[in-house]
Protein backbone atom coordinates (compact mmCIF):
# COMPACT_ATOMS: atom_id res chain seq x y z
CA MET A 1 37.33 -3.97 -76.19
CA SER A 2 36.28 -0.64 -76.32
CA GLU A 3 38.69 2.33 -76.82
CA GLU A 4 37.62 4.30 -74.06
CA SER A 5 40.06 5.82 -72.03
CA PRO A 6 40.19 4.14 -68.60
CA ILE A 7 39.38 6.79 -65.70
CA TYR A 8 40.91 6.41 -62.31
CA GLY A 9 41.06 3.09 -62.68
CA GLN A 10 37.93 1.46 -64.50
CA GLY A 11 40.23 0.17 -67.98
CA PRO A 12 43.21 -2.27 -68.80
CA ALA A 13 45.55 -1.21 -66.46
CA ARG A 14 46.71 -1.36 -63.11
CA PRO A 15 43.61 0.74 -61.75
CA ALA A 16 46.02 2.13 -59.03
CA ILE A 17 48.29 3.49 -61.34
CA TYR A 18 45.75 6.31 -62.35
CA LYS A 19 44.35 6.91 -58.55
CA ARG A 20 44.77 10.73 -57.30
CA PHE A 21 48.21 10.23 -54.94
CA GLY A 22 47.47 10.26 -51.42
CA GLU A 23 44.10 7.71 -52.26
CA GLY A 24 45.80 4.34 -53.21
CA TYR A 25 48.33 5.46 -55.92
CA GLU A 26 51.28 2.75 -57.50
CA ARG A 27 53.57 4.18 -59.04
CA PRO A 28 53.56 2.89 -62.74
CA THR A 29 55.94 0.48 -64.33
CA PRO A 30 58.16 1.59 -66.88
CA ALA A 31 55.78 -0.97 -69.32
CA GLU A 32 53.39 1.53 -68.24
CA VAL A 33 54.56 4.60 -68.65
CA LYS A 34 55.82 3.11 -72.04
CA ALA A 35 52.71 2.66 -72.97
CA GLU A 36 51.24 5.81 -72.34
CA VAL A 37 53.87 7.33 -73.74
CA LEU A 38 52.65 5.70 -76.91
CA ARG A 39 49.02 6.56 -75.99
CA SER A 40 50.03 9.84 -76.11
CA GLY A 41 51.24 10.07 -80.09
CA LEU A 42 54.06 12.81 -78.86
CA THR A 43 57.28 12.38 -80.54
CA GLY A 44 60.23 11.55 -77.56
CA ALA A 45 61.07 15.67 -78.04
CA GLN A 46 57.66 16.63 -77.79
CA CYS A 47 56.40 14.89 -74.57
CA ALA A 48 59.81 16.14 -73.26
CA THR A 49 58.42 18.97 -73.69
CA LEU A 50 54.71 18.28 -72.54
CA LEU A 51 56.17 17.23 -68.86
CA GLY A 52 59.05 19.84 -68.54
CA PHE A 53 62.20 18.30 -69.39
CA ARG A 54 64.96 19.37 -71.48
CA TYR A 55 65.73 16.78 -73.56
CA SER A 56 64.02 13.66 -74.75
CA ARG A 57 66.53 11.49 -73.39
CA GLU A 58 64.77 11.38 -69.91
CA VAL A 59 61.77 10.24 -71.76
CA ARG A 60 63.65 7.43 -72.11
CA LYS A 61 65.19 6.94 -69.04
CA LEU A 62 61.25 6.79 -67.41
CA THR A 63 60.16 4.07 -70.00
CA SER A 64 63.40 2.19 -69.64
CA GLY A 65 62.99 2.30 -66.03
CA GLU A 66 66.77 3.87 -65.33
CA LYS A 67 64.43 6.66 -63.39
CA LEU A 68 61.55 6.61 -61.75
CA ILE A 69 58.31 8.97 -62.76
CA SER A 70 57.45 11.17 -60.43
CA TYR A 71 53.75 11.54 -59.38
CA SER A 72 53.27 14.91 -61.17
CA VAL A 73 54.68 13.97 -64.21
CA TRP A 74 52.72 10.88 -64.25
CA ARG A 75 49.48 12.70 -64.14
CA ARG A 76 50.39 14.97 -66.43
CA LEU A 77 50.79 12.85 -68.80
CA CYS A 78 47.71 10.60 -68.04
CA GLU A 79 45.88 14.46 -68.60
CA TYR A 80 47.28 14.38 -71.95
CA THR A 81 46.67 11.51 -73.04
CA GLY A 82 42.65 10.97 -71.42
CA SER A 83 43.51 8.20 -69.15
CA VAL A 84 42.27 10.56 -66.41
CA GLN A 85 40.27 13.99 -66.17
CA PRO A 86 42.18 17.10 -64.42
CA ASP A 87 41.23 17.70 -60.85
CA THR A 88 40.20 21.71 -61.28
CA ARG A 89 38.29 24.06 -58.62
CA ALA A 90 35.18 23.06 -60.18
CA ASN A 91 34.88 19.15 -60.04
CA TYR A 92 37.67 18.51 -56.83
CA VAL A 93 35.92 18.25 -53.67
CA PRO A 94 38.83 17.35 -50.63
CA GLU A 95 37.74 14.47 -48.37
CA ALA A 96 36.52 15.43 -45.11
CA SER A 97 39.80 14.69 -43.44
CA GLU A 98 41.89 16.75 -46.09
CA ALA A 99 39.77 20.26 -45.97
CA SER A 100 40.29 20.09 -41.98
CA GLN A 101 43.57 19.87 -42.61
CA GLN A 102 43.49 22.77 -44.40
CA ARG A 103 45.88 26.08 -43.18
CA GLN A 104 43.90 28.86 -41.75
CA PRO A 105 45.35 31.96 -42.55
CA ARG A 106 47.68 33.57 -40.12
CA GLU A 107 46.79 36.91 -37.94
CA LYS A 108 49.01 39.52 -38.89
CA PRO A 109 51.18 41.39 -36.18
CA GLN A 110 50.09 44.51 -34.88
CA LYS A 111 52.22 47.71 -35.09
CA GLY A 112 54.00 48.11 -31.73
CA ASP A 113 54.04 44.42 -30.84
């Protein structure tokens, strides 16, 4: 079996857990969260710091299923482990529908209006 990281669903885990939000993403199960935490090689406290939690018990809640993991926390963990590649302005191209929905700048009101 290959030791390569699954990139956007190309690996042993369910592919949908590595997809981007709004592009077929499915929330990982507590077992999948635990596997990703173990894959990171971090202690509970280190993982909590990485994910922006104050206490390691928050990580335990995610791996036990007591608390559901948010997409942003999951994404950060997967980027750290190398399961997904970070989206940057250099490599992320929004889909056509997403690009058309980008906000247009507002016109500044003229003085005296």
